[in-house]
Protein backbone atom coordinates (compact mmCIF):
# COMPACT_ATOMS: atom_id res chain seq x y z
CA MET A 1 126.62 -76.84 69.38
CA LEU A 2 124.53 -80.00 68.28
CA SER A 3 121.78 -79.54 71.17
CA LYS A 4 121.39 -75.85 69.71
CA MET A 5 120.77 -77.17 65.75
CA ILE A 6 118.65 -79.53 67.29
CA LYS A 7 116.57 -77.28 68.63
CA MET A 8 116.57 -75.06 65.23
CA LEU A 9 115.59 -77.89 63.36
CA ARG A 10 112.62 -78.92 65.11
CA ASN A 11 110.23 -77.10 62.46
CA LYS A 12 107.69 -78.39 60.03
CA GLN A 13 108.42 -81.23 58.05
CA VAL A 14 111.75 -82.14 60.40
CA LYS A 15 110.02 -82.10 63.04
CA LYS A 16 108.46 -85.50 62.05
CA LEU A 17 112.00 -87.11 62.62
CA PRO A 18 112.32 -88.69 66.38
CA LYS A 19 114.92 -86.80 67.86
CA LYS A 20 117.12 -89.60 67.81
CA THR A 21 116.68 -89.96 64.04
CA LEU A 22 117.87 -86.16 63.89
CA ILE A 23 120.85 -86.58 66.16
CA ARG A 24 121.81 -89.00 63.75
CA PHE A 25 121.07 -86.80 60.72
CA LEU A 26 123.24 -83.88 62.14
CA LYS A 27 126.52 -86.40 63.31
CA MET A 28 126.16 -87.08 59.25
CA PHE A 29 127.22 -83.55 59.15
CA LYS A 30 130.51 -84.06 61.04
CA TYR A 31 132.83 -83.70 58.05
CA GLU A 32 130.59 -80.39 56.81
CA LYS A 33 131.37 -77.01 57.64
CA PHE A 34 128.32 -74.87 58.32
CA VAL A 35 128.15 -71.25 56.88
CA LYS A 36 126.41 -68.57 58.03
CA TYR A 37 124.65 -66.15 55.14
CA GLU A 38 122.62 -63.33 55.53
CA ASP A 39 119.98 -64.89 57.97
CA LYS A 40 120.43 -68.20 56.95
CA ILE A 41 122.52 -71.64 57.48
CA VAL A 42 124.08 -73.21 54.75
CA PHE A 43 124.84 -77.01 54.93
CA SER A 44 125.84 -77.77 51.77
CA ILE A 45 124.81 -76.36 48.12
CA HIS A 46 123.23 -79.83 47.66
CA ILE A 47 120.63 -78.76 50.27
CA PRO A 48 118.53 -75.44 50.60
CA PRO A 49 119.03 -73.22 53.12
CA PHE A 50 117.99 -73.07 56.36
CA PRO A 51 115.40 -71.83 57.52
CA SER A 52 113.19 -72.03 53.94
CA LYS A 53 110.02 -73.46 52.48
CA ALA A 54 112.70 -75.12 50.15
CA PHE A 55 114.50 -77.05 53.24
CA ASP A 56 110.85 -78.10 54.65
CA ARG A 57 110.34 -79.26 51.05
CA PHE A 58 113.81 -80.95 50.59
CA PHE A 59 113.28 -83.35 53.47
CA GLU A 60 109.93 -83.84 52.96
CA ALA A 61 110.94 -85.30 49.88
CA GLU A 62 113.47 -87.56 51.17
CA LEU A 63 111.29 -89.03 54.24
CA LYS A 64 108.27 -89.66 51.41
CA THR A 65 110.84 -91.87 49.98
CA ARG A 66 110.66 -94.08 52.54
CA ASP A 67 107.07 -94.82 51.61
CA GLY A 68 108.38 -95.82 47.90
CA VAL A 69 107.63 -91.82 46.60
CA LYS A 70 110.05 -90.74 44.42
CA ILE A 71 110.55 -86.95 44.17
CA PRO A 72 112.81 -85.10 41.71
CA ALA A 73 114.08 -82.91 44.82
CA VAL A 74 117.28 -81.72 42.70
CA VAL A 75 116.49 -80.31 39.22
CA ASN A 76 119.49 -79.02 36.84
CA ILE A 77 118.77 -77.41 34.00
CA ALA A 78 120.69 -76.66 30.98
CA VAL A 79 119.44 -73.49 29.61
CA THR A 80 121.52 -72.93 26.45
CA HIS A 81 124.12 -74.56 24.54
CA LYS A 82 125.73 -71.04 23.77
CA CYS A 83 129.30 -70.99 25.14
CA ARG A 84 132.70 -68.85 24.00
CA TYR A 85 134.76 -71.22 25.61
CA ASN A 86 136.09 -74.22 24.31
CA CYS A 87 136.84 -76.01 27.22
CA TRP A 88 138.99 -79.80 27.45
CA HIS A 89 136.79 -81.59 29.65
CA CYS A 90 133.15 -80.29 28.69
CA SER A 91 130.22 -82.49 29.67
CA ALA A 92 127.96 -80.91 27.97
CA ALA A 93 129.65 -81.39 24.41
CA PRO A 94 128.33 -82.23 21.50
CA LYS A 95 126.36 -78.91 21.08
CA LYS A 96 124.04 -79.09 18.82
CA GLY A 97 120.34 -78.10 18.46
CA LYS A 98 117.67 -75.63 18.79
CA GLU A 99 117.59 -74.39 22.88
CA LEU A 100 114.31 -74.61 24.96
CA SER A 101 111.97 -71.65 24.17
CA LEU A 102 111.33 -69.50 27.67
CA GLU A 103 107.70 -70.80 27.91
CA THR A 104 108.64 -74.49 27.60
CA ILE A 105 111.54 -73.81 30.85
CA ILE A 106 109.02 -72.11 32.81
CA ASP A 107 106.63 -75.12 32.40
CA ALA A 108 109.12 -77.19 33.13
CA ILE A 109 109.87 -75.71 36.07
CA GLN A 110 106.72 -74.80 37.45
CA SER A 111 105.82 -79.00 36.71
CA PHE A 112 108.80 -79.64 38.92
CA GLN A 113 107.56 -77.56 42.06
CA ASN A 114 104.26 -78.72 41.86
CA MET A 115 106.12 -82.23 42.01
CA GLY A 116 108.21 -81.47 45.05
CA THR A 117 111.41 -79.84 43.68
CA SER A 118 113.52 -77.84 46.54
CA ILE A 119 116.77 -77.16 44.21
CA PHE A 120 117.11 -76.20 40.81
CA SER A 121 120.49 -75.90 39.14
CA ILE A 122 121.03 -73.57 36.12
CA THR A 123 123.86 -74.56 33.82
CA GLY A 124 124.25 -74.75 29.98
CA GLY A 125 126.58 -73.87 28.21
CA GLU A 126 127.03 -70.81 29.40
CA PRO A 127 123.87 -69.68 30.87
CA LEU A 128 124.70 -65.87 30.75
CA LEU A 129 124.24 -65.89 27.41
CA ARG A 130 120.73 -66.28 27.68
CA GLU A 131 119.04 -63.18 27.43
CA ASP A 132 115.91 -63.87 29.09
CA LEU A 133 117.80 -65.99 32.36
CA THR A 134 116.55 -63.72 34.51
CA GLU A 135 112.82 -64.64 33.86
CA ILE A 136 113.84 -67.79 33.91
CA ILE A 137 115.05 -67.55 37.49
CA ARG A 138 112.64 -65.23 38.62
CA SER A 139 109.59 -67.81 37.36
CA VAL A 140 111.43 -70.23 40.13
CA ASP A 141 108.84 -69.22 43.56
CA ASP A 142 110.56 -69.45 47.38
CA ARG A 143 109.28 -73.37 47.54
CA SER A 144 112.48 -73.93 45.59
CA MET A 145 116.37 -72.57 45.62
CA VAL A 146 118.34 -71.63 42.98
CA PHE A 147 121.49 -71.30 42.14
CA MET A 148 123.76 -71.38 38.91
CA PHE A 149 126.69 -72.35 37.44
CA THR A 150 128.74 -70.08 35.10
CA SER A 151 132.23 -69.23 33.70
CA GLY A 152 131.56 -65.90 34.71
CA TYR A 153 131.70 -65.16 31.22
CA GLY A 154 128.69 -61.96 30.51
CA LEU A 155 128.31 -61.25 33.70
CA THR A 156 128.32 -57.30 34.82
CA ASP A 157 127.59 -55.81 38.43
CA GLU A 158 124.25 -54.79 36.59
CA LYS A 159 123.57 -58.11 36.03
CA ALA A 160 124.77 -59.81 39.32
CA LYS A 161 122.20 -57.36 41.11
CA GLU A 162 119.39 -58.50 38.44
CA LEU A 163 119.54 -62.06 39.19
CA LYS A 164 120.06 -61.49 42.68
CA ASP A 165 116.87 -59.66 42.59
CA ALA A 166 114.99 -62.30 40.79
CA GLY A 167 116.08 -64.67 43.60
CA LEU A 168 118.89 -66.19 42.37
CA PHE A 169 120.79 -67.74 45.70
CA GLY A 170 124.17 -68.58 44.82
CA MET A 171 126.34 -68.81 42.35
CA MET A 172 129.18 -71.31 41.39
CA VAL A 173 131.91 -70.01 39.46
CA SER A 174 133.99 -72.39 37.00
CA LEU A 175 138.27 -72.60 37.93
CA ASP A 176 140.05 -75.00 36.49
CA HIS A 177 143.83 -73.96 37.49
CA TYR A 178 145.04 -71.21 39.93
CA LYS A 179 147.73 -70.20 37.16
CA PRO A 180 145.81 -68.13 34.67
CA GLU A 181 148.04 -69.01 31.51
CA ILE A 182 146.76 -72.69 32.36
CA HIS A 183 143.48 -71.74 33.07
CA ASP A 184 143.03 -70.22 29.93
CA ASN A 185 144.58 -72.43 28.19
CA LEU A 186 141.99 -75.19 29.21
CA ARG A 187 139.15 -72.85 28.63
CA GLY A 188 140.60 -72.32 25.59
CA TYR A 189 139.67 -69.01 25.85
CA LYS A 190 142.31 -65.71 26.67
CA GLY A 191 141.93 -64.03 29.36
CA ALA A 192 139.12 -66.81 30.97
CA PHE A 193 141.15 -66.43 34.47
CA ASP A 194 140.46 -62.89 34.93
CA ILE A 195 136.57 -63.32 34.07
CA VAL A 196 136.38 -65.93 36.96
CA MET A 197 138.38 -63.46 39.41
CA LYS A 198 136.06 -60.83 37.89
CA GLY A 199 133.25 -62.56 38.15
CA VAL A 200 134.00 -63.82 41.75
CA LYS A 201 133.75 -60.04 42.70
CA MET A 202 130.83 -58.86 41.15
CA ALA A 203 128.61 -61.88 42.60
CA GLN A 204 129.79 -61.06 46.18
CA LYS A 205 128.82 -56.87 45.25
CA ALA A 206 125.13 -58.37 44.57
CA ASN A 207 125.47 -60.36 47.72
CA LEU A 208 125.20 -63.68 46.10
CA TYR A 209 126.70 -67.12 48.00
CA VAL A 210 129.35 -67.32 45.80
CA GLY A 211 131.52 -70.55 45.23
CA LEU A 212 134.28 -71.88 42.75
CA SER A 213 133.85 -74.80 40.71
CA CYS A 214 137.02 -76.99 40.51
CA VAL A 215 137.57 -80.21 38.16
CA ILE A 216 140.85 -81.73 40.28
CA THR A 217 143.24 -83.87 38.04
CA ARG A 218 145.45 -86.67 38.76
CA GLU A 219 148.22 -84.26 38.11
CA MET A 220 146.96 -81.63 40.22
CA LEU A 221 146.96 -83.98 43.18
CA GLN A 222 150.38 -85.66 42.39
CA ASN A 223 151.76 -81.85 42.36
CA ASN A 224 149.96 -80.83 45.90
CA GLU A 225 148.31 -77.87 43.77
CA VAL A 226 144.98 -78.53 45.11
CA TRP A 227 146.54 -76.48 48.56
CA THR A 228 147.10 -73.96 46.59
CA VAL A 229 143.58 -73.61 45.07
CA LEU A 230 141.94 -73.44 48.18
CA GLU A 231 144.59 -70.70 49.04
CA LEU A 232 143.26 -69.22 45.86
CA ALA A 233 139.71 -69.28 47.23
CA LYS A 234 140.57 -68.26 50.66
CA ASN A 235 142.09 -65.17 49.40
CA LEU A 236 139.03 -64.57 47.24
CA SER A 237 136.60 -64.92 50.38
CA VAL A 238 134.05 -67.10 48.49
CA HIS A 239 131.91 -69.40 50.43
CA GLU A 240 132.19 -72.62 49.29
CA ILE A 241 134.60 -74.55 46.73
CA MET A 242 133.43 -77.36 44.98
CA MET A 243 135.79 -80.15 43.79
CA PHE A 244 134.88 -82.65 41.12
CA GLU A 245 136.88 -85.52 39.49
CA LEU A 246 136.84 -86.16 35.90
CA THR A 247 134.00 -88.06 34.53
CA PRO A 248 133.89 -90.28 30.95
CA VAL A 249 131.09 -88.03 29.70
CA GLY A 250 131.12 -85.07 26.51
CA LYS A 251 134.13 -84.54 25.09
CA LEU A 252 135.99 -86.90 27.27
CA PHE A 253 133.29 -89.81 26.65
CA GLU A 254 135.65 -92.35 24.71
CA SER A 255 138.79 -91.66 27.55
CA ASP A 256 139.62 -93.70 30.28
CA SER A 257 142.89 -91.90 31.42
CA TYR A 258 141.49 -89.12 33.41
CA VAL A 259 139.17 -91.24 35.87
CA LEU A 260 140.94 -91.46 39.21
CA ASN A 261 141.65 -94.42 40.98
CA ASN A 262 140.68 -95.18 44.95
CA ASP A 263 143.64 -94.38 46.44
CA GLU A 264 143.60 -91.01 44.03
CA ARG A 265 140.20 -90.69 45.22
CA GLU A 266 140.29 -91.40 48.79
CA GLU A 267 143.59 -88.45 48.63
CA LEU A 268 140.91 -86.00 47.53
CA ILE A 269 138.37 -86.83 50.04
CA ARG A 270 140.58 -86.28 52.89
CA TYR A 271 140.88 -82.84 51.88
CA HIS A 272 137.13 -82.49 52.31
CA LYS A 273 137.31 -83.94 55.95
CA LEU A 274 140.35 -82.01 56.85
CA ILE A 275 139.59 -78.44 55.64
CA ASN A 276 135.99 -78.42 57.36
CA LYS A 277 136.35 -80.14 60.33
CA GLN A 278 139.32 -78.99 61.76
CA ARG A 279 139.58 -75.39 63.36
CA LYS A 280 143.01 -74.46 62.13
CA TYR A 281 141.45 -74.15 58.70
CA LYS A 282 138.41 -72.13 60.01
CA LYS A 283 139.43 -69.41 57.82
CA TYR A 284 139.25 -71.42 54.78
CA PRO A 285 136.08 -71.77 52.66
CA ARG A 286 133.67 -74.76 53.14
CA ILE A 287 134.76 -77.76 50.63
CA SER A 288 132.45 -80.24 49.19
CA VAL A 289 134.21 -82.86 47.50
CA PHE A 290 131.87 -84.87 45.13
CA PRO A 291 133.88 -88.14 45.54
CA TYR A 292 133.22 -88.05 49.27
CA PHE A 293 129.05 -86.61 48.94
CA GLU A 294 128.29 -89.49 45.96
CA SER A 295 130.16 -91.55 48.43
CA LYS A 296 128.28 -94.90 50.75
CA ASP A 297 129.60 -92.80 53.92
CA PHE A 298 127.27 -89.84 52.99
CA PHE A 299 124.53 -88.95 50.38
CA GLY A 300 125.49 -91.10 47.51
CA CYS A 301 124.57 -91.19 44.05
CA THR A 302 121.18 -90.12 44.02
CA ALA A 303 120.82 -89.51 40.29
CA GLY A 304 117.60 -90.60 38.66
CA TYR A 305 116.24 -90.93 42.23
CA ASN A 306 115.86 -87.88 43.34
CA LEU A 307 117.91 -85.92 41.06
CA THR A 308 117.15 -85.12 36.58
CA TYR A 309 118.88 -83.67 34.30
CA ILE A 310 117.18 -81.58 31.64
CA ASP A 311 120.01 -80.93 28.65
CA ALA A 312 119.93 -78.10 26.64
CA ASN A 313 117.40 -80.45 23.54
CA GLY A 314 114.86 -81.07 26.64
CA TYR A 315 116.22 -84.72 27.20
CA ILE A 316 115.63 -86.05 30.49
CA ARG A 317 118.65 -87.61 31.69
CA PRO A 318 119.22 -89.10 35.32
CA CYS A 319 122.04 -86.52 35.90
CA ASP A 320 124.47 -83.85 33.82
CA PHE A 321 127.31 -86.76 33.64
CA THR A 322 125.13 -89.66 32.46
CA PRO A 323 124.11 -89.82 28.68
CA LEU A 324 121.17 -91.73 29.01
CA THR A 325 117.91 -90.40 27.72
CA PHE A 326 114.33 -91.07 29.28
CA GLY A 327 111.96 -88.63 27.03
CA ASN A 328 111.88 -84.97 25.92
CA ILE A 329 109.80 -82.57 27.58
CA GLN A 330 108.55 -80.94 24.75
CA GLU A 331 106.87 -84.21 23.31
CA GLU A 332 105.95 -86.25 26.83
CA ARG A 333 104.44 -84.93 30.05
CA ILE A 334 107.30 -84.30 32.63
CA GLU A 335 105.46 -86.47 35.40
CA ASP A 336 105.19 -89.32 32.68
CA ILE A 337 108.96 -89.16 32.04
CA TRP A 338 110.24 -89.13 35.54
CA GLN A 339 108.13 -92.16 36.13
CA LYS A 340 110.12 -93.86 33.49
CA VAL A 341 113.42 -92.61 35.36
CA THR A 342 112.82 -93.88 38.27
CA ASN A 343 111.00 -97.23 37.14
CA VAL A 344 114.94 -98.05 36.48
CA PHE A 345 116.75 -95.89 38.76
CA ASN A 346 114.64 -97.13 42.02
CA LYS A 347 117.43 -96.85 44.52
CA PRO A 348 120.16 -94.24 45.82
CA ARG A 349 123.79 -96.15 44.70
CA GLY A 350 126.44 -95.76 47.00
CA PHE A 351 129.10 -94.44 44.30
CA CYS A 352 128.65 -92.53 40.98
CA PHE A 353 126.54 -94.36 38.52
CA MET A 354 128.53 -92.98 35.11
CA LEU A 355 132.01 -93.76 37.20
CA GLU A 356 130.61 -97.31 37.75
CA ASN A 357 129.24 -98.13 34.47
CA TYR A 358 130.73 -96.08 31.93
CA LYS A 359 132.31 -98.68 29.63
CA LEU A 360 129.34 -100.61 29.58
CA VAL A 361 127.16 -97.32 28.55
CA ARG A 362 130.06 -97.02 25.72
CA LYS A 363 129.82 -100.93 24.75
CA ILE A 364 125.64 -100.57 24.33
CA GLY A 365 125.59 -97.23 22.52
CA ASN A 366 127.84 -98.15 20.09
CA GLY A 367 128.78 -94.53 18.94
CA GLU A 368 125.55 -93.16 19.52
CA TYR A 369 125.68 -90.11 22.37
CA PRO A 370 123.42 -89.36 24.67
CA LEU A 371 121.78 -92.94 24.13
CA SER A 372 118.42 -93.36 22.78
CA TYR A 373 115.67 -94.90 25.72
CA LYS A 374 115.74 -98.20 24.28
CA LYS A 375 119.80 -98.28 24.76
CA SER A 376 119.68 -96.13 28.34
CA LEU A 377 117.08 -99.18 28.98
CA GLU A 378 119.12 -101.66 27.68
CA VAL A 379 122.36 -100.08 30.03
CA CYS A 380 119.94 -100.10 33.18
CA LYS A 381 119.12 -104.15 33.12
CA GLN A 382 123.04 -104.73 33.75
CA CYS A 383 123.36 -102.63 36.55
CA PRO A 384 121.80 -103.28 39.40
CA PRO A 385 121.52 -101.42 42.28
CA SER A 386 125.00 -100.55 44.52
CA GLU A 387 124.89 -99.90 48.59
CA ILE A 388 122.58 -98.03 49.67
CA PRO A 389 124.34 -94.65 51.19
CA LEU A 390 124.62 -93.82 54.61
CA PHE A 391 122.06 -90.71 54.77
CA TYR A 392 119.21 -93.20 52.98
CA LYS A 393 120.18 -95.99 55.43
CA LYS A 394 119.34 -93.92 58.13
CA LEU A 395 116.33 -92.69 56.38
CA GLY A 396 115.03 -96.45 56.50
CA ILE A 397 115.69 -97.04 52.71
CA LYS A 398 116.61 -100.83 52.00
């Protein structure tokens, strides 16, 4: 299998890697489950599918980091504040301000593509509530892969097909609990669970890459409920399930009680390794656990390094869960803002920036949310980079 993968990957930008480096790269994916989707292979939702122009560009961007060139390989865009739900953990709160115009978003997408972006993630609010969503997705050409996070609210068979035809690669549908009444309560909307179930089926019917995105709480770990969520994902025949841990951001900005400790984080990581590696779980979808992905043993946290986020007001932040701002795309050139971001986020980190520094962000913010550029710089001055993650060590980043 390894030799076959090496032969397949010796193409274009990837062929610049020496064979030994390529072998080391593939071995890093020992806890990943490769998914065959249409005529492509998906290593992870965090990497464009192979083969594709986006895949080549992703590795071109990663290789250039060795020369000190910082490319925003992954860009998350909140296209709207609008949402019919009132989720208890909403990271996009507070939802206020006028949403960006279609022209502004398309210009931003084109600018980022010209800078080398290979992945766009569309989020919100609820992106399906944006009437010109199809036009936004259609503006992303084949140099980049585009997927979307959604609650499923507003999806129809016709809309799913329309988005697929416009170029949408995949859809991650949010699920907070396997029990309908609990999911509805956590989302603040009666019938939210049924919307997830119908949304998954409609997305599958449109032949999209379909996954579930779940926030795993301490209680779910303690009650052994993660297995039940995995069983549901298997029964739904989704391609992937993403598992997040709670971060003190948005509605939870002032709360510490939900943050997992290291033992709980390791327990969650165990699911990632178990489901993806052991043959007896081959019928389960691939699992992507963020505490593993963002750890020093894999990709690490690349917020502000090769990843950035545009919030619904146009402010560029290091990522969705880091309320530091570096400029607004309606007021400054994106290239100039990105330079300001990478001036301070100049190394990948071996642990989530926000989980590591949320108390400092709170202290310096002193009630301001998100933080101004001045206060953001003040935070960053007190946050030296942590250990370089394994992936970047293999690329020669020090």
